[in-house]
Amino acid sequence: MTKVYEIDPLQDERWVGFLEKHSSAGVFHSREWLRALYHTYKYGIAAVTTSGPGEPLRNALVFCRVRSWLTGPRMVSVPFSDHCVPLVESADDFSCLLSHLKRECDGGAEKYLEIRSGAEDYRGMGESASFCLHRIDLRPNVNELFHALHANCIRRKIARAQREGVTYEDGATEELLQKFYQLTVVTRRRHKLPPQPLRWFRNLIAAMGNRLRIRIASSPEGQPAAGIVTIRYKATMTYKYGCSDSRFHKLGPMQLLIWTAIQEAKDAGLFEFDLGRSDLNNAGLLSFKDRWGSTRSILTYVRYPAPQAPKTENISMDVAKSLLALAPNRVLRTAGNLLYPHVD
């Protein structure tokens, strides 16, 4: 029987070099992302591998141990990440790593194991959620990328933003973070959800350094109109967070922000712009991302043991969302601070 070792990606000297060489490694495997998760939510960061101490890493399945009195103990690969594929080269290695983690669940230490990728043969696991993932291939020239954009909904809005005097700024300063977070609270209220803790964004900025950019578009009068957070890792720029003030949607600030980020990624020689995951039932967001000349794929999350039934929203959840939509900003922020450590 092949031996499995558990390692700490935050401390193991082999981790960074392993990710650099592995073609499937992305930002959500990175030490920076994992460090931000640890500092914000105190999750246990770990990975399992068949490579012993002193050997080069050949494979790994990274995950976090979430310890919550509210939602139970579980292993998630990886919390608050759009996708995090197991970094394996063979079905045998994957089966070995998966069996090791399944045994922890069978022993009662964990409520379940969730893997955020449908790219492998997950026998004995069941679907827990499905999303749509949009990516833009940056290899065509910039004119080809621009003409692939929807003429009315994207190109025309970019032109209007420029014509109306919408301003653009980027960086990772506290001032930009405050503008972005102000817009985040507005957006999450519109969606009847609490905002992520402000400390999450501060920790992410501290961990990512110059790989992370906060991009803000403001109205001609100087009011923040839209904001996005992008993270650059290897040959990909990922659009991870977006927010906006609906009063300014007609000016095209979000279109201006995303196109500016795409141009920057292209100029830097990157190969891909990751627009992130979207709920399959969010027709408006799916249509918006389709209009960027992107390619769709289905992203499936799987669990062991298999969930008994797909997640559905009940009447209590509907009531909670209605109350959140009416709550003062300080209550929304407090709700986010209290809830986010328990959900992923």
Protein backbone atom coordinates (compact mmCIF):
# COMPACT_ATOMS: atom_id res chain seq x y z
CA MET A 1 0.00 0.00 0.00
CA THR A 2 1.39 3.39 -1.01
CA LYS A 3 2.16 5.60 1.96
CA VAL A 4 0.49 9.02 2.17
CA TYR A 5 2.12 11.97 3.91
CA GLU A 6 0.43 15.11 5.22
CA ILE A 7 2.36 18.35 4.75
CA ASP A 8 1.86 22.04 5.54
CA PRO A 9 1.96 24.10 2.30
CA LEU A 10 2.64 27.24 4.33
CA GLN A 11 5.89 25.76 5.67
CA ASP A 12 7.03 23.04 3.27
CA GLU A 13 9.95 24.36 1.22
CA ARG A 14 8.92 22.27 -1.79
CA TRP A 15 5.46 23.81 -2.24
CA VAL A 16 6.21 26.95 -4.26
CA GLY A 17 8.51 25.19 -6.70
CA PHE A 18 6.00 22.35 -7.13
CA LEU A 19 3.25 24.82 -8.08
CA GLU A 20 5.50 26.66 -10.52
CA LYS A 21 6.18 23.45 -12.42
CA HIS A 22 2.68 21.96 -12.33
CA SER A 23 0.57 23.03 -15.32
CA SER A 24 -2.74 22.77 -13.40
CA ALA A 25 -1.67 24.80 -10.37
CA GLY A 26 -3.54 28.08 -9.98
CA VAL A 27 -3.94 30.98 -7.61
CA PHE A 28 -6.18 29.01 -5.23
CA HIS A 29 -3.38 26.50 -4.61
CA SER A 30 -0.92 29.27 -3.89
CA ARG A 31 0.74 29.84 -0.53
CA GLU A 32 -0.52 33.44 -0.65
CA TRP A 33 -4.19 32.44 -0.93
CA LEU A 34 -3.82 29.78 1.74
CA ARG A 35 -2.01 32.20 4.06
CA ALA A 36 -4.85 34.72 3.75
CA LEU A 37 -7.38 31.99 4.59
CA TYR A 38 -5.37 31.00 7.65
CA HIS A 39 -4.92 34.53 8.98
CA THR A 40 -8.58 35.45 8.44
CA TYR A 41 -10.46 32.29 9.42
CA LYS A 42 -7.84 30.17 11.27
CA TYR A 43 -8.51 27.16 9.06
CA GLY A 44 -6.04 24.30 9.29
CA ILE A 45 -4.02 24.34 6.05
CA ALA A 46 -2.79 20.95 4.80
CA ALA A 47 -2.04 18.82 1.75
CA VAL A 48 -1.61 15.09 1.25
CA THR A 49 1.00 13.59 -1.08
CA THR A 50 2.68 10.29 -1.83
CA SER A 51 6.07 12.05 -1.85
CA GLY A 52 8.04 11.41 1.29
CA PRO A 53 10.18 13.90 3.24
CA GLY A 54 13.25 14.94 1.27
CA GLU A 55 11.74 13.84 -2.06
CA PRO A 56 10.55 16.28 -4.74
CA LEU A 57 6.77 16.71 -4.63
CA ARG A 58 5.17 14.67 -7.42
CA ASN A 59 1.53 15.18 -6.46
CA ALA A 60 -0.67 16.86 -3.87
CA LEU A 61 -4.26 17.42 -2.84
CA VAL A 62 -4.49 20.64 -0.83
CA PHE A 63 -7.36 21.29 1.59
CA CYS A 64 -8.41 23.17 4.70
CA ARG A 65 -9.81 21.71 7.89
CA VAL A 66 -12.77 23.90 8.78
CA ARG A 67 -13.72 23.70 12.46
CA SER A 68 -17.14 25.20 13.11
CA TRP A 69 -19.57 24.75 16.00
CA LEU A 70 -22.30 26.02 13.66
CA THR A 71 -21.82 23.94 10.50
CA GLY A 72 -19.61 21.09 11.71
CA PRO A 73 -16.01 19.93 11.04
CA ARG A 74 -15.12 19.28 7.42
CA MET A 75 -12.35 19.27 4.83
CA VAL A 76 -12.70 21.61 1.85
CA SER A 77 -10.40 21.94 -1.16
CA VAL A 78 -10.32 24.95 -0.90
CA PRO A 79 -12.71 27.36 0.93
CA PHE A 80 -13.82 30.54 -0.88
CA SER A 81 -12.08 29.32 -4.02
CA ASP A 82 -13.76 29.00 -7.42
CA HIS A 83 -11.80 25.88 -8.37
CA CYS A 84 -8.91 23.89 -6.91
CA VAL A 85 -8.11 20.73 -8.85
CA PRO A 86 -6.08 17.92 -7.27
CA LEU A 87 -2.52 18.20 -8.56
CA VAL A 88 -1.96 14.61 -9.63
CA GLU A 89 -0.45 12.93 -12.67
CA SER A 90 -2.10 9.51 -12.44
CA ALA A 91 -5.42 7.96 -11.45
CA ASP A 92 -3.62 5.68 -9.01
CA ASP A 93 -2.03 8.57 -7.13
CA PHE A 94 -5.35 10.41 -6.97
CA SER A 95 -7.18 7.32 -5.71
CA CYS A 96 -4.56 6.85 -3.02
CA LEU A 97 -4.81 10.46 -1.76
CA LEU A 98 -8.59 10.44 -1.90
CA SER A 99 -8.83 7.15 0.02
CA HIS A 100 -6.63 8.59 2.77
CA LEU A 101 -8.97 11.56 3.27
CA LYS A 102 -12.09 9.40 2.99
CA ARG A 103 -10.85 7.33 5.90
CA GLU A 104 -10.82 10.46 8.07
CA CYS A 105 -14.49 10.98 7.23
CA ASP A 106 -15.30 7.32 7.85
CA GLY A 107 -13.63 7.56 11.25
CA GLY A 108 -15.97 10.37 12.27
CA ALA A 109 -13.35 13.12 12.49
CA GLU A 110 -14.91 15.02 9.58
CA LYS A 111 -18.50 15.62 8.51
CA TYR A 112 -17.48 15.48 4.85
CA LEU A 113 -14.77 16.10 2.27
CA GLU A 114 -15.50 18.52 -0.59
CA ILE A 115 -13.37 18.89 -3.73
CA ARG A 116 -13.99 21.88 -5.97
CA SER A 117 -13.38 20.37 -9.36
CA GLY A 118 -15.12 17.87 -11.60
CA ALA A 119 -11.99 17.06 -13.60
CA GLU A 120 -11.33 13.60 -12.16
CA ASP A 121 -13.16 10.31 -11.62
CA TYR A 122 -14.66 10.83 -8.18
CA ARG A 123 -16.10 7.38 -7.52
CA GLY A 124 -17.95 7.16 -4.23
CA MET A 125 -18.54 10.93 -4.12
CA GLY A 126 -21.66 12.88 -5.02
CA GLU A 127 -22.32 16.26 -6.61
CA SER A 128 -22.81 19.02 -4.05
CA ALA A 129 -23.04 22.03 -6.38
CA SER A 130 -22.47 23.05 -10.00
CA PHE A 131 -21.42 26.38 -11.48
CA CYS A 132 -20.46 27.87 -14.81
CA LEU A 133 -16.85 28.97 -15.27
CA HIS A 134 -15.93 31.60 -17.89
CA ARG A 135 -12.40 32.07 -19.26
CA ILE A 136 -10.99 34.33 -21.97
CA ASP A 137 -8.11 33.14 -24.15
CA LEU A 138 -5.66 36.06 -24.34
CA ARG A 139 -3.55 34.67 -27.19
CA PRO A 140 -5.38 36.59 -29.99
CA ASN A 141 -4.15 40.15 -30.57
CA VAL A 142 -5.82 43.01 -28.72
CA ASN A 143 -7.91 44.08 -31.74
CA GLU A 144 -9.29 40.55 -32.05
CA LEU A 145 -10.06 40.48 -28.34
CA PHE A 146 -11.89 43.81 -28.59
CA HIS A 147 -13.98 42.79 -31.60
CA ALA A 148 -14.97 39.57 -29.81
CA LEU A 149 -16.79 41.73 -27.25
CA HIS A 150 -20.54 42.20 -27.63
CA ALA A 151 -21.07 45.35 -29.70
CA ASN A 152 -23.92 46.90 -27.71
CA CYS A 153 -23.55 45.54 -24.19
CA ILE A 154 -19.76 45.77 -23.89
CA ARG A 155 -18.05 47.85 -26.58
CA ARG A 156 -20.71 50.56 -26.55
CA LYS A 157 -20.60 50.75 -22.74
CA ILE A 158 -16.79 51.07 -22.74
CA ALA A 159 -17.07 53.93 -25.22
CA ARG A 160 -19.74 55.63 -23.12
CA ALA A 161 -17.67 55.36 -19.95
CA GLN A 162 -14.77 57.02 -21.74
CA ARG A 163 -17.00 59.68 -23.29
CA GLU A 164 -18.82 60.52 -20.03
CA GLY A 165 -15.57 60.98 -18.12
CA VAL A 166 -15.67 57.91 -15.89
CA THR A 167 -12.29 57.80 -14.14
CA TYR A 168 -10.12 54.77 -13.42
CA GLU A 169 -7.59 54.09 -10.66
CA ASP A 170 -5.90 50.97 -9.38
CA GLY A 171 -3.55 49.84 -6.65
CA ALA A 172 -3.74 48.20 -3.24
CA THR A 173 -3.93 51.18 -0.89
CA GLU A 174 -6.19 51.52 2.12
CA GLU A 175 -8.02 54.35 0.35
CA LEU A 176 -8.88 52.14 -2.62
CA LEU A 177 -9.84 49.28 -0.29
CA GLN A 178 -12.29 51.55 1.53
CA LYS A 179 -13.89 52.59 -1.77
CA PHE A 180 -14.09 48.97 -2.85
CA TYR A 181 -15.57 47.83 0.46
CA GLN A 182 -18.16 50.60 0.41
CA LEU A 183 -19.31 49.29 -2.97
CA THR A 184 -19.15 45.69 -1.71
CA VAL A 185 -21.60 46.45 1.11
CA VAL A 186 -23.96 48.14 -1.37
CA THR A 187 -23.77 45.19 -3.76
CA ARG A 188 -24.20 42.49 -1.12
CA ARG A 189 -27.23 44.34 0.24
CA ARG A 190 -28.70 44.33 -3.27
CA HIS A 191 -28.17 40.56 -3.36
CA LYS A 192 -29.56 40.19 0.20
CA LEU A 193 -26.27 38.81 1.52
CA PRO A 194 -23.75 40.00 4.14
CA PRO A 195 -20.39 41.30 2.88
CA GLN A 196 -17.14 39.44 3.37
CA PRO A 197 -15.16 40.61 6.43
CA LEU A 198 -12.99 43.63 5.71
CA ARG A 199 -10.09 41.78 7.35
CA TRP A 200 -10.29 39.12 4.58
CA PHE A 201 -9.46 41.72 1.95
CA ARG A 202 -6.72 43.25 4.10
CA ASN A 203 -5.14 39.83 4.64
CA LEU A 204 -5.45 39.00 0.94
CA ILE A 205 -3.72 42.26 -0.01
CA ALA A 206 -0.94 41.61 2.53
CA ALA A 207 -0.42 38.04 1.27
CA MET A 208 -0.63 38.71 -2.48
CA GLY A 209 1.50 41.85 -2.65
CA ASN A 210 1.73 43.32 -6.15
CA ARG A 211 -0.12 40.36 -7.67
CA LEU A 212 -3.39 41.87 -6.43
CA ARG A 213 -4.96 45.02 -7.81
CA ILE A 214 -8.06 46.86 -6.63
CA ARG A 215 -9.56 48.63 -9.64
CA ILE A 216 -12.07 51.44 -9.08
CA ALA A 217 -14.16 53.35 -11.63
CA SER A 218 -15.75 56.59 -10.41
CA SER A 219 -18.47 58.80 -11.81
CA PRO A 220 -17.55 62.17 -13.36
CA GLU A 221 -18.47 63.68 -9.97
CA GLY A 222 -15.94 61.43 -8.21
CA GLN A 223 -18.33 58.93 -6.60
CA PRO A 224 -17.17 55.26 -6.62
CA ALA A 225 -19.29 53.53 -9.27
CA ALA A 226 -17.78 50.06 -9.62
CA GLY A 227 -14.85 48.05 -8.33
CA ILE A 228 -13.13 44.76 -9.03
CA VAL A 229 -10.26 42.79 -7.49
CA THR A 230 -7.94 40.93 -9.85
CA ILE A 231 -5.12 38.57 -8.92
CA ARG A 232 -2.27 37.64 -11.24
CA TYR A 233 -0.73 34.19 -10.86
CA LYS A 234 1.56 32.51 -13.39
CA ALA A 235 0.02 33.08 -16.87
CA THR A 236 -3.50 33.89 -15.61
CA MET A 237 -5.25 36.99 -14.32
CA THR A 238 -8.28 36.12 -12.20
CA TYR A 239 -11.24 38.43 -11.68
CA LYS A 240 -12.24 37.37 -8.17
CA TYR A 241 -14.51 40.06 -6.73
CA GLY A 242 -16.76 42.69 -8.28
CA CYS A 243 -19.14 45.29 -6.90
CA SER A 244 -21.03 48.31 -8.16
CA ASP A 245 -23.50 51.07 -7.40
CA SER A 246 -26.56 50.46 -9.60
CA ARG A 247 -27.16 54.21 -9.97
CA PHE A 248 -24.16 54.35 -12.31
CA HIS A 249 -24.65 51.14 -14.32
CA LYS A 250 -25.76 53.09 -17.39
CA LEU A 251 -22.34 54.77 -17.56
CA GLY A 252 -20.54 51.45 -18.14
CA PRO A 253 -18.02 51.54 -15.23
CA MET A 254 -17.83 47.74 -14.87
CA GLN A 255 -17.22 47.26 -18.58
CA LEU A 256 -14.43 49.85 -18.43
CA LEU A 257 -12.80 48.11 -15.45
CA ILE A 258 -12.83 44.61 -16.92
CA TRP A 259 -11.61 45.73 -20.35
CA THR A 260 -8.77 47.72 -18.75
CA ALA A 261 -7.77 44.62 -16.75
CA ILE A 262 -7.89 42.44 -19.88
CA GLN A 263 -5.65 44.90 -21.74
CA GLU A 264 -3.18 44.93 -18.85
CA ALA A 265 -3.12 41.12 -18.76
CA LYS A 266 -2.55 41.00 -22.51
CA ASP A 267 0.25 43.58 -22.36
CA ALA A 268 1.91 41.53 -19.60
CA GLY A 269 2.00 38.48 -21.85
CA LEU A 270 -0.53 36.45 -19.87
CA PHE A 271 -2.44 33.67 -21.64
CA GLU A 272 -5.76 33.65 -19.81
CA PHE A 273 -8.27 35.92 -18.08
CA ASP A 274 -10.41 33.97 -15.61
CA LEU A 275 -13.84 35.58 -15.14
CA GLY A 276 -14.69 33.23 -12.28
CA ARG A 277 -17.65 31.07 -11.42
CA SER A 278 -21.34 31.96 -11.71
CA ASP A 279 -24.47 30.26 -10.40
CA LEU A 280 -26.18 28.31 -13.15
CA ASN A 281 -29.49 29.98 -12.33
CA ASN A 282 -28.10 33.52 -12.56
CA ALA A 283 -29.08 34.16 -16.18
CA GLY A 284 -28.09 37.83 -16.08
CA LEU A 285 -24.53 37.20 -14.90
CA LEU A 286 -24.08 34.27 -17.28
CA SER A 287 -25.16 36.46 -20.20
CA PHE A 288 -22.85 39.29 -19.08
CA LYS A 289 -19.82 36.98 -19.00
CA ASP A 290 -20.76 35.34 -22.30
CA ARG A 291 -20.49 38.75 -23.96
CA TRP A 292 -16.74 39.04 -23.34
CA GLY A 293 -15.76 36.46 -25.96
CA SER A 294 -15.25 33.94 -23.19
CA THR A 295 -15.57 30.17 -23.18
CA ARG A 296 -17.95 28.42 -20.79
CA SER A 297 -17.30 25.21 -18.87
CA ILE A 298 -19.17 23.46 -16.08
CA LEU A 299 -17.53 23.41 -12.66
CA THR A 300 -18.77 20.66 -10.34
CA TYR A 301 -18.12 20.35 -6.63
CA VAL A 302 -18.24 16.84 -5.16
CA ARG A 303 -18.50 15.51 -1.62
CA TYR A 304 -17.81 12.39 0.36
CA PRO A 305 -20.05 11.07 1.77
CA ALA A 306 -22.38 12.00 -1.08
CA PRO A 307 -24.98 14.57 0.02
CA GLN A 308 -28.48 13.23 0.48
CA ALA A 309 -30.10 15.98 -1.61
CA PRO A 310 -29.03 19.14 -3.44
CA LYS A 311 -29.00 22.33 -1.42
CA THR A 312 -32.21 24.36 -1.58
CA GLU A 313 -33.25 27.61 0.01
CA ASN A 314 -36.10 27.34 2.52
CA ILE A 315 -38.59 29.85 3.86
CA SER A 316 -36.30 30.73 6.78
CA MET A 317 -33.52 31.64 4.35
CA ASP A 318 -35.89 33.83 2.34
CA VAL A 319 -36.92 35.67 5.50
CA ALA A 320 -33.28 36.11 6.56
CA LYS A 321 -32.40 37.58 3.16
CA SER A 322 -35.31 40.02 3.35
CA LEU A 323 -34.16 41.19 6.77
CA LEU A 324 -30.56 41.62 5.57
CA ALA A 325 -31.76 43.81 2.70
CA LEU A 326 -33.27 46.21 5.27
CA ALA A 327 -30.47 46.09 7.86
CA PRO A 328 -28.14 49.05 8.52
CA ASN A 329 -24.62 48.76 7.09
CA ARG A 330 -23.07 48.07 10.50
CA VAL A 331 -25.45 45.13 11.01
CA LEU A 332 -24.58 43.76 7.56
CA ARG A 333 -20.86 43.98 8.31
CA THR A 334 -21.31 42.34 11.73
CA ALA A 335 -23.32 39.52 10.13
CA GLY A 336 -20.51 38.94 7.65
CA ASN A 337 -17.88 38.87 10.39
CA LEU A 338 -19.90 36.32 12.36
CA LEU A 339 -21.02 34.04 9.52
CA TYR A 340 -18.13 33.79 7.08
CA PRO A 341 -15.84 31.67 9.31
CA HIS A 342 -18.59 29.01 9.29
CA VAL A 343 -19.46 28.98 5.57
CA ASP A 344 -17.22 28.28 2.61
